[in-house]
Amino acid sequence: MQFYSRKLIKPGDLNARNTLFGGALLRWIDEEAGIYAMSKLGTKQVVTKFMSEINFISSAAQGDVIEIGLAFQELGRTSITFSCEVRNLFTKAAIIKIDKIVFVHVDENGSATPHFKRVDTLPKINAC
């Protein structure tokens, strides 16, 4: 798992219990995974197709810094799949785990289309 980005938990990111709002976290994960898919496939023409069961393990509080990690899983004819883990930057405690996030390469009409990539030609992406 490579950790690619970090987020500071601010007041606007909190729920009614004053912990990290799950919707904000899922938005960040979807954005980061989308950027990762674009980087790997070399195109902006990707959309989120699927997220497997989302396991909220712990929470984060205002002032915490989290980091979003992604790991390449597989490459399909039109798709690319990752797993994800979000953890506290300082304690390394897991906050959320997602076993499978699938992005699909689409054409200008939004229809799935082959990306013509092979696993051995995917670019390496450096973590922060």
C-alpha atoms as a PDB file:
ATOM      1  CA  MET A   1       0.000   0.000   0.000  1.00  0.00           C
ATOM      2  CA  GLN A   2       1.353   3.391  -1.004  1.00  0.00           C
ATOM      3  CA  PHE A   3       0.016   6.483   0.741  1.00  0.00           C
ATOM      4  CA  TYR A   4      -0.493   9.285  -1.755  1.00  0.00           C
ATOM      5  CA  SER A   5      -2.169  12.206  -0.043  1.00  0.00           C
ATOM      6  CA  ARG A   6      -2.862  13.695   3.340  1.00  0.00           C
ATOM      7  CA  LYS A   7      -5.781  15.666   4.718  1.00  0.00           C
ATOM      8  CA  LEU A   8      -6.095  17.823   7.829  1.00  0.00           C
ATOM      9  CA  ILE A   9      -9.440  17.275   9.575  1.00  0.00           C
ATOM     10  CA  LYS A  10     -11.089  20.696   9.923  1.00  0.00           C
ATOM     11  CA  PRO A  11     -14.363  21.819  11.570  1.00  0.00           C
ATOM     12  CA  GLY A  12     -16.294  21.563   8.275  1.00  0.00           C
ATOM     13  CA  ASP A  13     -15.324  17.888   7.967  1.00  0.00           C
ATOM     14  CA  LEU A  14     -17.050  16.860  11.213  1.00  0.00           C
ATOM     15  CA  ASN A  15     -20.374  15.153  11.892  1.00  0.00           C
ATOM     16  CA  ALA A  16     -22.801  15.793  14.790  1.00  0.00           C
ATOM     17  CA  ARG A  17     -20.528  13.797  17.138  1.00  0.00           C
ATOM     18  CA  ASN A  18     -17.569  16.055  16.246  1.00  0.00           C
ATOM     19  CA  THR A  19     -15.734  13.216  14.513  1.00  0.00           C
ATOM     20  CA  LEU A  20     -14.857  12.889  10.840  1.00  0.00           C
ATOM     21  CA  PHE A  21     -17.989  12.749   8.667  1.00  0.00           C
ATOM     22  CA  GLY A  22     -17.928   9.528   6.635  1.00  0.00           C
ATOM     23  CA  GLY A  23     -19.271  11.287   3.538  1.00  0.00           C
ATOM     24  CA  ALA A  24     -16.341  13.714   3.504  1.00  0.00           C
ATOM     25  CA  LEU A  25     -13.910  10.815   3.829  1.00  0.00           C
ATOM     26  CA  LEU A  26     -15.564   8.884   0.979  1.00  0.00           C
ATOM     27  CA  ARG A  27     -15.436  12.004  -1.230  1.00  0.00           C
ATOM     28  CA  TRP A  28     -11.679  12.307  -0.601  1.00  0.00           C
ATOM     29  CA  ILE A  29     -11.142   8.604  -1.295  1.00  0.00           C
ATOM     30  CA  ASP A  30     -13.118   8.761  -4.554  1.00  0.00           C
ATOM     31  CA  GLU A  31     -11.165  11.827  -5.668  1.00  0.00           C
ATOM     32  CA  GLU A  32      -7.783  10.319  -4.797  1.00  0.00           C
ATOM     33  CA  ALA A  33      -8.628   6.966  -6.396  1.00  0.00           C
ATOM     34  CA  GLY A  34      -9.879   8.763  -9.513  1.00  0.00           C
ATOM     35  CA  ILE A  35      -6.614  10.686  -9.819  1.00  0.00           C
ATOM     36  CA  TYR A  36      -4.711   7.425  -9.334  1.00  0.00           C
ATOM     37  CA  ALA A  37      -6.793   5.734 -12.069  1.00  0.00           C
ATOM     38  CA  MET A  38      -6.190   8.675 -14.431  1.00  0.00           C
ATOM     39  CA  SER A  39      -2.457   8.558 -13.713  1.00  0.00           C
ATOM     40  CA  LYS A  40      -2.224   4.806 -14.277  1.00  0.00           C
ATOM     41  CA  LEU A  41      -4.319   4.793 -17.463  1.00  0.00           C
ATOM     42  CA  GLY A  42      -3.006   8.085 -18.838  1.00  0.00           C
ATOM     43  CA  THR A  43      -6.469   9.574 -19.412  1.00  0.00           C
ATOM     44  CA  LYS A  44      -9.081  11.718 -17.669  1.00  0.00           C
ATOM     45  CA  GLN A  45     -11.856   9.570 -19.167  1.00  0.00           C
ATOM     46  CA  VAL A  46     -12.527   7.389 -16.097  1.00  0.00           C
ATOM     47  CA  VAL A  47     -15.545   7.052 -13.816  1.00  0.00           C
ATOM     48  CA  THR A  48     -16.148   5.257 -10.530  1.00  0.00           C
ATOM     49  CA  LYS A  49     -17.961   1.979 -11.193  1.00  0.00           C
ATOM     50  CA  PHE A  50     -17.921   0.165  -7.852  1.00  0.00           C
ATOM     51  CA  MET A  51     -16.809   0.313  -4.232  1.00  0.00           C
ATOM     52  CA  SER A  52     -16.960  -2.869  -2.198  1.00  0.00           C
ATOM     53  CA  GLU A  53     -18.002  -3.027   1.419  1.00  0.00           C
ATOM     54  CA  ILE A  54     -16.615  -0.080   3.318  1.00  0.00           C
ATOM     55  CA  ASN A  55     -15.249  -0.963   6.744  1.00  0.00           C
ATOM     56  CA  PHE A  56     -15.106   1.999   9.133  1.00  0.00           C
ATOM     57  CA  ILE A  57     -12.598   0.824  11.758  1.00  0.00           C
ATOM     58  CA  SER A  58     -12.046   3.977  13.798  1.00  0.00           C
ATOM     59  CA  SER A  59     -12.624   7.686  13.479  1.00  0.00           C
ATOM     60  CA  ALA A  60     -10.634  10.878  13.306  1.00  0.00           C
ATOM     61  CA  ALA A  61     -11.065  14.135  15.188  1.00  0.00           C
ATOM     62  CA  GLN A  62     -10.554  17.785  14.358  1.00  0.00           C
ATOM     63  CA  GLY A  63      -6.842  18.473  14.007  1.00  0.00           C
ATOM     64  CA  ASP A  64      -5.934  14.893  13.067  1.00  0.00           C
ATOM     65  CA  VAL A  65      -4.034  14.325   9.849  1.00  0.00           C
ATOM     66  CA  ILE A  66      -5.036  11.323   7.783  1.00  0.00           C
ATOM     67  CA  GLU A  67      -3.352   9.724   4.802  1.00  0.00           C
ATOM     68  CA  ILE A  68      -5.015   7.899   1.934  1.00  0.00           C
ATOM     69  CA  GLY A  69      -3.346   4.759   0.636  1.00  0.00           C
ATOM     70  CA  LEU A  70      -4.086   2.872  -2.567  1.00  0.00           C
ATOM     71  CA  ALA A  71      -2.805  -0.406  -3.954  1.00  0.00           C
ATOM     72  CA  PHE A  72      -3.233  -1.619  -7.527  1.00  0.00           C
ATOM     73  CA  GLN A  73      -5.193  -4.901  -7.673  1.00  0.00           C
ATOM     74  CA  GLU A  74      -5.998  -5.753 -11.286  1.00  0.00           C
ATOM     75  CA  LEU A  75      -6.498  -4.467 -14.788  1.00  0.00           C
ATOM     76  CA  GLY A  76      -9.530  -5.438 -16.869  1.00  0.00           C
ATOM     77  CA  ARG A  77     -10.274  -4.720 -20.525  1.00  0.00           C
ATOM     78  CA  THR A  78     -12.058  -1.441 -19.649  1.00  0.00           C
ATOM     79  CA  SER A  79     -11.391  -1.231 -15.899  1.00  0.00           C
ATOM     80  CA  ILE A  80      -8.752  -0.783 -13.247  1.00  0.00           C
ATOM     81  CA  THR A  81      -9.146  -1.927  -9.632  1.00  0.00           C
ATOM     82  CA  PHE A  82      -7.524  -0.771  -6.376  1.00  0.00           C
ATOM     83  CA  SER A  83      -7.796  -1.395  -2.664  1.00  0.00           C
ATOM     84  CA  CYS A  84      -7.716   1.490  -0.196  1.00  0.00           C
ATOM     85  CA  GLU A  85      -6.759   2.168   3.383  1.00  0.00           C
ATOM     86  CA  VAL A  86      -6.993   5.436   5.249  1.00  0.00           C
ATOM     87  CA  ARG A  87      -5.011   5.808   8.433  1.00  0.00           C
ATOM     88  CA  ASN A  88      -3.995   8.397  10.998  1.00  0.00           C
ATOM     89  CA  LEU A  89      -0.665   9.860   9.858  1.00  0.00           C
ATOM     90  CA  PHE A  90       0.907   9.900  13.315  1.00  0.00           C
ATOM     91  CA  THR A  91      -0.529   6.846  15.089  1.00  0.00           C
ATOM     92  CA  LYS A  92      -0.865   4.722  11.903  1.00  0.00           C
ATOM     93  CA  ALA A  93      -4.243   3.528  13.249  1.00  0.00           C
ATOM     94  CA  ALA A  94      -6.502   2.372  10.406  1.00  0.00           C
ATOM     95  CA  ILE A  95      -9.620   4.493   9.930  1.00  0.00           C
ATOM     96  CA  ILE A  96     -11.216   2.804   6.923  1.00  0.00           C
ATOM     97  CA  LYS A  97     -10.494  -0.087   4.577  1.00  0.00           C
ATOM     98  CA  ILE A  98     -12.041  -0.748   1.185  1.00  0.00           C
ATOM     99  CA  ASP A  99     -11.115  -4.017  -0.503  1.00  0.00           C
ATOM    100  CA  LYS A 100     -12.102  -3.014  -4.022  1.00  0.00           C
ATOM    101  CA  ILE A 101     -12.611   0.254  -5.895  1.00  0.00           C
ATOM    102  CA  VAL A 102     -13.215  -0.117  -9.640  1.00  0.00           C
ATOM    103  CA  PHE A 103     -12.877   2.624 -12.236  1.00  0.00           C
ATOM    104  CA  VAL A 104     -13.957   2.236 -15.853  1.00  0.00           C
ATOM    105  CA  HIS A 105     -12.481   3.936 -18.905  1.00  0.00           C
ATOM    106  CA  VAL A 106     -15.282   5.616 -20.871  1.00  0.00           C
ATOM    107  CA  ASP A 107     -15.712   7.262 -24.248  1.00  0.00           C
ATOM    108  CA  GLU A 108     -17.191  10.710 -24.897  1.00  0.00           C
ATOM    109  CA  ASN A 109     -20.709   9.266 -24.480  1.00  0.00           C
ATOM    110  CA  GLY A 110     -19.928   7.709 -21.107  1.00  0.00           C
ATOM    111  CA  SER A 111     -19.877   4.149 -22.441  1.00  0.00           C
ATOM    112  CA  ALA A 112     -17.215   1.692 -21.273  1.00  0.00           C
ATOM    113  CA  THR A 113     -14.413   1.409 -23.784  1.00  0.00           C
ATOM    114  CA  PRO A 114     -11.107  -0.517 -23.807  1.00  0.00           C
ATOM    115  CA  HIS A 115      -8.118   1.355 -22.433  1.00  0.00           C
ATOM    116  CA  PHE A 116      -5.550  -0.837 -24.261  1.00  0.00           C
ATOM    117  CA  LYS A 117      -3.158  -0.852 -21.289  1.00  0.00           C
ATOM    118  CA  ARG A 118      -1.176  -3.836 -20.016  1.00  0.00           C
ATOM    119  CA  VAL A 119      -0.073  -4.337 -16.419  1.00  0.00           C
ATOM    120  CA  ASP A 120       3.601  -4.327 -17.420  1.00  0.00           C
ATOM    121  CA  THR A 121       3.235  -0.891 -19.059  1.00  0.00           C
ATOM    122  CA  LEU A 122       1.401   0.921 -16.244  1.00  0.00           C
ATOM    123  CA  PRO A 123       3.444   3.853 -14.938  1.00  0.00           C
ATOM    124  CA  LYS A 124       4.923   3.768 -11.467  1.00  0.00           C
ATOM    125  CA  ILE A 125       3.513   6.514  -9.268  1.00  0.00           C
ATOM    126  CA  ASN A 126       5.530   7.941  -6.392  1.00  0.00           C
ATOM    127  CA  ALA A 127       3.964   8.339  -2.979  1.00  0.00           C
ATOM    128  CA  CYS A 128       4.324  11.519  -0.955  1.00  0.00           C
END
